[in-house]
Structures are given as structure tokens and as C-alpha cells.
């Protein structure tokens, strides 16, 4: 996966390879954050709480916030963060 900040378009994107072939550079693009008008800054990712799942931090400068996502599976009693 590749995570990409759209910067001034107010979005954050995830690109997933459609093939394992190193010569096939086709990807599926998903917008995983849309803050509307404004700037989305540099994305940071790490397992900050040591639960074995990557946490993703996306700053929204105009919204004065950092939106946090996790790759942990959602369960009935624990909604997906984001």
C-alpha cells in the first residue's frame, strides 16, 4: 500500500497494487479522508500503541486537527477509528 497526501485538495489517498507482478504498476485508488477545502499535511504511520496494527495520522491544517486511523479490524464492540 501507498499512502499519499493530496495536500491542497483536502484529501488523503491509499493506493493498493492490483498485481504482485513487479512490471504491473496498476493500482486501485481509495480516498480515505476528505476534509473538504483545506490542506492535508504529511501522513505519518507507526504502531504507536504496540497492538500489532499500524496507526495512521493525517493532519488537517485548516481543521486544526489530526485524524487518526488504524488498520485493526473493527469488531462489534470496537468501531474502526477514523
PDB file of N, CA and C in Angstrom:
ATOM      1  N   UNK A   1       0.823  -1.176   0.000  1.00  0.00           N
ATOM      2  CA  UNK A   1       0.000   0.000   0.000  1.00  0.00           C
ATOM      3  C   UNK A   1       0.873   1.247   0.000  1.00  0.00           C
ATOM      4  N   UNK A   2       0.355   2.252  -0.648  1.00  0.00           N
ATOM      5  CA  UNK A   2       0.993   3.561  -0.657  1.00  0.00           C
ATOM      6  C   UNK A   2      -0.019   4.562  -0.121  1.00  0.00           C
ATOM      7  N   UNK A   3       0.373   5.337   0.892  1.00  0.00           N
ATOM      8  CA  UNK A   3      -0.475   6.396   1.425  1.00  0.00           C
ATOM      9  C   UNK A   3       0.050   7.715   0.887  1.00  0.00           C
ATOM     10  N   UNK A   4      -0.856   8.572   0.406  1.00  0.00           N
ATOM     11  CA  UNK A   4      -0.457   9.808  -0.241  1.00  0.00           C
ATOM     12  C   UNK A   4      -1.343  10.957   0.212  1.00  0.00           C
ATOM     13  N   UNK A   5      -0.715  12.060   0.566  1.00  0.00           N
ATOM     14  CA  UNK A   5      -1.437  13.281   0.905  1.00  0.00           C
ATOM     15  C   UNK A   5      -1.738  14.037  -0.377  1.00  0.00           C
ATOM     16  N   UNK A   6      -2.991  14.476  -0.518  1.00  0.00           N
ATOM     17  CA  UNK A   6      -3.369  15.296  -1.669  1.00  0.00           C
ATOM     18  C   UNK A   6      -3.018  16.753  -1.465  1.00  0.00           C
ATOM     19  N   UNK A   7      -2.441  17.078  -0.322  1.00  0.00           N
ATOM     20  CA  UNK A   7      -2.014  18.431   0.038  1.00  0.00           C
ATOM     21  C   UNK A   7      -3.194  19.391  -0.050  1.00  0.00           C
ATOM     22  N   UNK A   8      -3.182  20.310  -0.992  1.00  0.00           N
ATOM     23  CA  UNK A   8      -4.206  21.355  -1.038  1.00  0.00           C
ATOM     24  C   UNK A   8      -5.552  20.892  -1.594  1.00  0.00           C
ATOM     25  N   UNK A   9      -5.684  19.623  -1.993  1.00  0.00           N
ATOM     26  CA  UNK A   9      -7.007  19.168  -2.435  1.00  0.00           C
ATOM     27  C   UNK A   9      -7.847  18.654  -1.269  1.00  0.00           C
ATOM     28  N   UNK A  10      -7.283  18.654  -0.048  1.00  0.00           N
ATOM     29  CA  UNK A  10      -8.039  18.289   1.143  1.00  0.00           C
ATOM     30  C   UNK A  10      -8.314  16.808   1.300  1.00  0.00           C
ATOM     31  N   UNK A  11      -7.563  15.954   0.624  1.00  0.00           N
ATOM     32  CA  UNK A  11      -7.829  14.517   0.677  1.00  0.00           C
ATOM     33  C   UNK A  11      -6.556  13.726   0.993  1.00  0.00           C
ATOM     34  N   UNK A  12      -6.776  12.516   1.498  1.00  0.00           N
ATOM     35  CA  UNK A  12      -5.694  11.548   1.681  1.00  0.00           C
ATOM     36  C   UNK A  12      -6.103  10.288   0.933  1.00  0.00           C
ATOM     37  N   UNK A  13      -5.135   9.669   0.271  1.00  0.00           N
ATOM     38  CA  UNK A  13      -5.408   8.539  -0.607  1.00  0.00           C
ATOM     39  C   UNK A  13      -4.599   7.313  -0.199  1.00  0.00           C
ATOM     40  N   UNK A  14      -5.170   6.144  -0.526  1.00  0.00           N
ATOM     41  CA  UNK A  14      -4.458   4.884  -0.374  1.00  0.00           C
ATOM     42  C   UNK A  14      -4.460   4.200  -1.742  1.00  0.00           C
ATOM     43  N   UNK A  15      -3.291   3.782  -2.179  1.00  0.00           N
ATOM     44  CA  UNK A  15      -3.151   3.055  -3.430  1.00  0.00           C
ATOM     45  C   UNK A  15      -2.754   1.617  -3.105  1.00  0.00           C
ATOM     46  N   UNK A  16      -3.497   0.664  -3.672  1.00  0.00           N
ATOM     47  CA  UNK A  16      -3.198  -0.766  -3.477  1.00  0.00           C
ATOM     48  C   UNK A  16      -2.887  -1.392  -4.825  1.00  0.00           C
ATOM     49  N   UNK A  17      -1.788  -2.110  -4.899  1.00  0.00           N
ATOM     50  CA  UNK A  17      -1.398  -2.773  -6.144  1.00  0.00           C
ATOM     51  C   UNK A  17      -2.444  -3.809  -6.541  1.00  0.00           C
ATOM     52  N   UNK A  18      -2.753  -3.862  -7.825  1.00  0.00           N
ATOM     53  CA  UNK A  18      -3.716  -4.839  -8.327  1.00  0.00           C
ATOM     54  C   UNK A  18      -3.057  -6.150  -8.711  1.00  0.00           C
ATOM     55  N   UNK A  19      -1.723  -6.201  -8.645  1.00  0.00           N
ATOM     56  CA  UNK A  19      -0.981  -7.395  -9.042  1.00  0.00           C
ATOM     57  C   UNK A  19       0.298  -7.489  -8.223  1.00  0.00           C
ATOM     58  N   UNK A  20       0.827  -8.682  -8.102  1.00  0.00           N
ATOM     59  CA  UNK A  20       2.127  -8.892  -7.468  1.00  0.00           C
ATOM     60  C   UNK A  20       3.256  -8.844  -8.488  1.00  0.00           C
ATOM     61  N   UNK A  21       2.912  -8.711  -9.759  1.00  0.00           N
ATOM     62  CA  UNK A  21       3.897  -8.644 -10.838  1.00  0.00           C
ATOM     63  C   UNK A  21       4.667  -7.323 -10.734  1.00  0.00           C
ATOM     64  N   UNK A  22       6.001  -7.373 -10.593  1.00  0.00           N
ATOM     65  CA  UNK A  22       6.777  -6.131 -10.443  1.00  0.00           C
ATOM     66  C   UNK A  22       6.744  -5.231 -11.682  1.00  0.00           C
ATOM     67  N   UNK A  23       6.260  -5.738 -12.819  1.00  0.00           N
ATOM     68  CA  UNK A  23       6.167  -4.936 -14.032  1.00  0.00           C
ATOM     69  C   UNK A  23       4.767  -4.365 -14.249  1.00  0.00           C
ATOM     70  N   UNK A  24       3.834  -4.739 -13.383  1.00  0.00           N
ATOM     71  CA  UNK A  24       2.451  -4.247 -13.482  1.00  0.00           C
ATOM     72  C   UNK A  24       2.259  -3.145 -12.440  1.00  0.00           C
ATOM     73  N   UNK A  25       2.197  -1.898 -12.892  1.00  0.00           N
ATOM     74  CA  UNK A  25       2.097  -0.751 -11.994  1.00  0.00           C
ATOM     75  C   UNK A  25       0.673  -0.208 -11.924  1.00  0.00           C
ATOM     76  N   UNK A  26      -0.338  -1.087 -12.014  1.00  0.00           N
ATOM     77  CA  UNK A  26      -1.722  -0.640 -11.891  1.00  0.00           C
ATOM     78  C   UNK A  26      -2.149  -0.728 -10.428  1.00  0.00           C
ATOM     79  N   UNK A  27      -2.860   0.305  -9.980  1.00  0.00           N
ATOM     80  CA  UNK A  27      -3.262   0.420  -8.585  1.00  0.00           C
ATOM     81  C   UNK A  27      -4.729   0.774  -8.477  1.00  0.00           C
ATOM     82  N   UNK A  28      -5.327   0.387  -7.372  1.00  0.00           N
ATOM     83  CA  UNK A  28      -6.667   0.824  -7.015  1.00  0.00           C
ATOM     84  C   UNK A  28      -6.511   2.014  -6.070  1.00  0.00           C
ATOM     85  N   UNK A  29      -7.147   3.151  -6.395  1.00  0.00           N
ATOM     86  CA  UNK A  29      -7.049   4.356  -5.565  1.00  0.00           C
ATOM     87  C   UNK A  29      -8.301   4.498  -4.714  1.00  0.00           C
ATOM     88  N   UNK A  30      -8.099   4.682  -3.397  1.00  0.00           N
ATOM     89  CA  UNK A  30      -9.201   4.906  -2.463  1.00  0.00           C
ATOM     90  C   UNK A  30      -8.949   6.213  -1.728  1.00  0.00           C
ATOM     91  N   UNK A  31      -9.953   7.078  -1.673  1.00  0.00           N
ATOM     92  CA  UNK A  31      -9.872   8.281  -0.852  1.00  0.00           C
ATOM     93  C   UNK A  31     -10.335   7.887   0.542  1.00  0.00           C
ATOM     94  N   UNK A  32      -9.434   7.938   1.535  1.00  0.00           N
ATOM     95  CA  UNK A  32      -9.829   7.520   2.879  1.00  0.00           C
ATOM     96  C   UNK A  32     -10.065   8.700   3.819  1.00  0.00           C
ATOM     97  N   UNK A  33      -9.775   9.922   3.347  1.00  0.00           N
ATOM     98  CA  UNK A  33     -10.100  11.109   4.134  1.00  0.00           C
ATOM     99  C   UNK A  33     -10.358  12.261   3.184  1.00  0.00           C
ATOM    100  N   UNK A  34     -11.449  12.975   3.418  1.00  0.00           N
ATOM    101  CA  UNK A  34     -11.782  14.164   2.642  1.00  0.00           C
ATOM    102  C   UNK A  34     -12.214  15.237   3.626  1.00  0.00           C
ATOM    103  N   UNK A  35     -11.351  16.222   3.850  1.00  0.00           N
ATOM    104  CA  UNK A  35     -11.659  17.290   4.808  1.00  0.00           C
ATOM    105  C   UNK A  35     -12.274  18.501   4.121  1.00  0.00           C
ATOM    106  N   UNK A  36     -12.571  18.378   2.833  1.00  0.00           N
ATOM    107  CA  UNK A  36     -13.140  19.495   2.089  1.00  0.00           C
ATOM    108  C   UNK A  36     -12.056  20.476   1.705  1.00  0.00           C
ATOM    109  N   UNK A  37     -12.408  21.762   1.698  1.00  0.00           N
ATOM    110  CA  UNK A  37     -11.419  22.790   1.376  1.00  0.00           C
ATOM    111  C   UNK A  37     -10.356  22.824   2.457  1.00  0.00           C
ATOM    112  N   UNK A  38      -9.131  22.913   2.056  1.00  0.00           N
ATOM    113  CA  UNK A  38      -8.059  22.991   3.034  1.00  0.00           C
ATOM    114  C   UNK A  38      -6.877  22.146   2.646  1.00  0.00           C
ATOM    115  N   UNK A  39      -5.963  22.033   3.571  1.00  0.00           N
ATOM    116  CA  UNK A  39      -4.710  21.332   3.335  1.00  0.00           C
ATOM    117  C   UNK A  39      -4.595  20.110   4.229  1.00  0.00           C
ATOM    118  N   UNK A  40      -4.282  18.986   3.605  1.00  0.00           N
ATOM    119  CA  UNK A  40      -3.945  17.759   4.326  1.00  0.00           C
ATOM    120  C   UNK A  40      -2.431  17.654   4.286  1.00  0.00           C
ATOM    121  N   UNK A  41      -1.817  17.523   5.451  1.00  0.00           N
ATOM    122  CA  UNK A  41      -0.360  17.513   5.524  1.00  0.00           C
ATOM    123  C   UNK A  41       0.246  16.139   5.332  1.00  0.00           C
ATOM    124  N   UNK A  42       1.517  16.041   5.699  1.00  0.00           N
ATOM    125  CA  UNK A  42       2.275  14.800   5.544  1.00  0.00           C
ATOM    126  C   UNK A  42       1.717  13.706   6.441  1.00  0.00           C
ATOM    127  N   UNK A  43       1.493  12.548   5.868  1.00  0.00           N
ATOM    128  CA  UNK A  43       0.941  11.404   6.582  1.00  0.00           C
ATOM    129  C   UNK A  43       2.064  10.691   7.323  1.00  0.00           C
ATOM    130  N   UNK A  44       1.791  10.300   8.562  1.00  0.00           N
ATOM    131  CA  UNK A  44       2.748   9.523   9.346  1.00  0.00           C
ATOM    132  C   UNK A  44       2.074   8.213   9.742  1.00  0.00           C
ATOM    133  N   UNK A  45       2.851   7.134   9.794  1.00  0.00           N
ATOM    134  CA  UNK A  45       2.300   5.831  10.150  1.00  0.00           C
ATOM    135  C   UNK A  45       3.282   5.078  11.043  1.00  0.00           C
ATOM    136  N   UNK A  46       2.741   4.481  12.104  1.00  0.00           N
ATOM    137  CA  UNK A  46       3.529   3.663  13.022  1.00  0.00           C
ATOM    138  C   UNK A  46       2.565   2.945  13.951  1.00  0.00           C
ATOM    139  N   UNK A  47       3.021   1.878  14.566  1.00  0.00           N
ATOM    140  CA  UNK A  47       2.232   1.183  15.589  1.00  0.00           C
ATOM    141  C   UNK A  47       2.563   1.840  16.928  1.00  0.00           C
ATOM    142  N   UNK A  48       1.904   2.942  17.232  1.00  0.00           N
ATOM    143  CA  UNK A  48       2.270   3.736  18.409  1.00  0.00           C
ATOM    144  C   UNK A  48       1.775   3.138  19.724  1.00  0.00           C
ATOM    145  N   UNK A  49       0.763   2.267  19.670  1.00  0.00           N
ATOM    146  CA  UNK A  49       0.255   1.681  20.914  1.00  0.00           C
ATOM    147  C   UNK A  49       0.645   0.209  21.068  1.00  0.00           C
ATOM    148  N   UNK A  50       1.546  -0.264  20.213  1.00  0.00           N
ATOM    149  CA  UNK A  50       2.091  -1.632  20.293  1.00  0.00           C
ATOM    150  C   UNK A  50       1.033  -2.728  20.304  1.00  0.00           C
ATOM    151  N   UNK A  51      -0.049  -2.533  19.514  1.00  0.00           N
ATOM    152  CA  UNK A  51      -1.074  -3.576  19.429  1.00  0.00           C
ATOM    153  C   UNK A  51      -0.886  -4.469  18.205  1.00  0.00           C
ATOM    154  N   UNK A  52       0.186  -4.218  17.434  1.00  0.00           N
ATOM    155  CA  UNK A  52       0.463  -5.034  16.258  1.00  0.00           C
ATOM    156  C   UNK A  52      -0.184  -4.513  14.986  1.00  0.00           C
ATOM    157  N   UNK A  53      -0.875  -3.375  15.060  1.00  0.00           N
ATOM    158  CA  UNK A  53      -1.540  -2.794  13.897  1.00  0.00           C
ATOM    159  C   UNK A  53      -1.004  -1.381  13.657  1.00  0.00           C
ATOM    160  N   UNK A  54      -0.838  -1.032  12.395  1.00  0.00           N
ATOM    161  CA  UNK A  54      -0.320   0.288  12.040  1.00  0.00           C
ATOM    162  C   UNK A  54      -1.389   1.348  12.303  1.00  0.00           C
ATOM    163  N   UNK A  55      -0.980   2.444  12.925  1.00  0.00           N
ATOM    164  CA  UNK A  55      -1.828   3.606  13.144  1.00  0.00           C
ATOM    165  C   UNK A  55      -1.383   4.679  12.158  1.00  0.00           C
ATOM    166  N   UNK A  56      -2.349   5.375  11.538  1.00  0.00           N
ATOM    167  CA  UNK A  56      -2.064   6.377  10.513  1.00  0.00           C
ATOM    168  C   UNK A  56      -2.560   7.729  11.002  1.00  0.00           C
ATOM    169  N   UNK A  57      -1.701   8.742  10.899  1.00  0.00           N
ATOM    170  CA  UNK A  57      -2.001  10.090  11.376  1.00  0.00           C
ATOM    171  C   UNK A  57      -2.006  11.046  10.191  1.00  0.00           C
ATOM    172  N   UNK A  58      -3.127  11.745  10.005  1.00  0.00           N
ATOM    173  CA  UNK A  58      -3.267  12.667   8.874  1.00  0.00           C
ATOM    174  C   UNK A  58      -3.631  14.045   9.412  1.00  0.00           C
ATOM    175  N   UNK A  59      -2.734  15.032   9.284  1.00  0.00           N
ATOM    176  CA  UNK A  59      -3.056  16.377   9.769  1.00  0.00           C
ATOM    177  C   UNK A  59      -3.947  17.133   8.784  1.00  0.00           C
ATOM    178  N   UNK A  60      -4.967  17.777   9.339  1.00  0.00           N
ATOM    179  CA  UNK A  60      -5.828  18.681   8.574  1.00  0.00           C
ATOM    180  C   UNK A  60      -5.547  20.081   9.110  1.00  0.00           C
ATOM    181  N   UNK A  61      -4.746  20.838   8.369  1.00  0.00           N
ATOM    182  CA  UNK A  61      -4.302  22.138   8.870  1.00  0.00           C
ATOM    183  C   UNK A  61      -5.454  23.118   9.051  1.00  0.00           C
ATOM    184  N   UNK A  62      -6.347  23.213   8.073  1.00  0.00           N
ATOM    185  CA  UNK A  62      -7.450  24.164   8.188  1.00  0.00           C
ATOM    186  C   UNK A  62      -8.453  23.730   9.248  1.00  0.00           C
ATOM    187  N   UNK A  63      -8.565  22.443   9.481  1.00  0.00           N
ATOM    188  CA  UNK A  63      -9.454  21.932  10.519  1.00  0.00           C
ATOM    189  C   UNK A  63      -8.823  21.943  11.895  1.00  0.00           C
ATOM    190  N   UNK A  64      -7.527  22.268  11.943  1.00  0.00           N
ATOM    191  CA  UNK A  64      -6.785  22.311  13.200  1.00  0.00           C
ATOM    192  C   UNK A  64      -6.922  20.996  13.977  1.00  0.00           C
ATOM    193  N   UNK A  65      -6.720  19.889  13.253  1.00  0.00           N
ATOM    194  CA  UNK A  65      -6.861  18.575  13.881  1.00  0.00           C
ATOM    195  C   UNK A  65      -5.949  17.561  13.203  1.00  0.00           C
ATOM    196  N   UNK A  66      -5.735  16.462  13.884  1.00  0.00           N
ATOM    197  CA  UNK A  66      -5.047  15.307  13.318  1.00  0.00           C
ATOM    198  C   UNK A  66      -6.034  14.154  13.381  1.00  0.00           C
ATOM    199  N   UNK A  67      -6.330  13.563  12.226  1.00  0.00           N
ATOM    200  CA  UNK A  67      -7.267  12.444  12.146  1.00  0.00           C
ATOM    201  C   UNK A  67      -6.445  11.158  12.232  1.00  0.00           C
ATOM    202  N   UNK A  68      -6.880  10.235  13.096  1.00  0.00           N
ATOM    203  CA  UNK A  68      -6.133   9.004  13.343  1.00  0.00           C
ATOM    204  C   UNK A  68      -6.940   7.809  12.839  1.00  0.00           C
ATOM    205  N   UNK A  69      -6.267   6.931  12.105  1.00  0.00           N
ATOM    206  CA  UNK A  69      -6.857   5.696  11.598  1.00  0.00           C
ATOM    207  C   UNK A  69      -6.021   4.530  12.110  1.00  0.00           C
ATOM    208  N   UNK A  70      -6.623   3.343  12.101  1.00  0.00           N
ATOM    209  CA  UNK A  70      -5.890   2.130  12.435  1.00  0.00           C
ATOM    210  C   UNK A  70      -6.215   1.060  11.404  1.00  0.00           C
ATOM    211  N   UNK A  71      -5.299   0.133  11.201  1.00  0.00           N
ATOM    212  CA  UNK A  71      -5.542  -0.995  10.308  1.00  0.00           C
ATOM    213  C   UNK A  71      -6.124  -2.186  11.069  1.00  0.00           C
ATOM    214  N   UNK A  72      -6.405  -2.003  12.353  1.00  0.00           N
ATOM    215  CA  UNK A  72      -7.001  -3.065  13.156  1.00  0.00           C
ATOM    216  C   UNK A  72      -8.425  -3.332  12.670  1.00  0.00           C
ATOM    217  N   UNK A  73      -8.790  -4.603  12.622  1.00  0.00           N
ATOM    218  CA  UNK A  73     -10.139  -4.982  12.206  1.00  0.00           C
ATOM    219  C   UNK A  73     -11.176  -4.433  13.176  1.00  0.00           C
ATOM    220  N   UNK A  74     -12.264  -3.918  12.653  1.00  0.00           N
ATOM    221  CA  UNK A  74     -13.365  -3.451  13.500  1.00  0.00           C
ATOM    222  C   UNK A  74     -14.104  -4.673  14.058  1.00  0.00           C
ATOM    223  N   UNK A  75     -14.569  -4.561  15.294  1.00  0.00           N
ATOM    224  CA  UNK A  75     -15.390  -5.601  15.904  1.00  0.00           C
ATOM    225  C   UNK A  75     -16.722  -4.980  16.304  1.00  0.00           C
ATOM    226  N   UNK A  76     -17.650  -5.805  16.741  1.00  0.00           N
ATOM    227  CA  UNK A  76     -18.957  -5.303  17.132  1.00  0.00           C
ATOM    228  C   UNK A  76     -18.872  -4.329  18.299  1.00  0.00           C
ATOM    229  N   UNK A  77     -17.929  -4.543  19.206  1.00  0.00           N
ATOM    230  CA  UNK A  77     -17.838  -3.686  20.391  1.00  0.00           C
ATOM    231  C   UNK A  77     -16.784  -2.594  20.255  1.00  0.00           C
ATOM    232  N   UNK A  78     -16.013  -2.590  19.154  1.00  0.00           N
ATOM    233  CA  UNK A  78     -14.975  -1.581  18.979  1.00  0.00           C
ATOM    234  C   UNK A  78     -15.034  -1.066  17.537  1.00  0.00           C
ATOM    235  N   UNK A  79     -15.629   0.132  17.332  1.00  0.00           N
ATOM    236  CA  UNK A  79     -15.709   0.666  15.970  1.00  0.00           C
ATOM    237  C   UNK A  79     -14.339   1.054  15.436  1.00  0.00           C
ATOM    238  N   UNK A  80     -14.201   1.046  14.108  1.00  0.00           N
ATOM    239  CA  UNK A  80     -12.969   1.463  13.465  1.00  0.00           C
ATOM    240  C   UNK A  80     -12.743   2.945  13.733  1.00  0.00           C
ATOM    241  N   UNK A  81     -11.534   3.291  14.112  1.00  0.00           N
ATOM    242  CA  UNK A  81     -11.191   4.686  14.408  1.00  0.00           C
ATOM    243  C   UNK A  81     -10.965   5.402  13.100  1.00  0.00           C
ATOM    244  N   UNK A  82     -11.366   6.652  13.019  1.00  0.00           N
ATOM    245  CA  UNK A  82     -11.063   7.419  11.829  1.00  0.00           C
ATOM    246  C   UNK A  82     -12.049   8.497  11.567  1.00  0.00           C
TER     247      UNK A  82
END
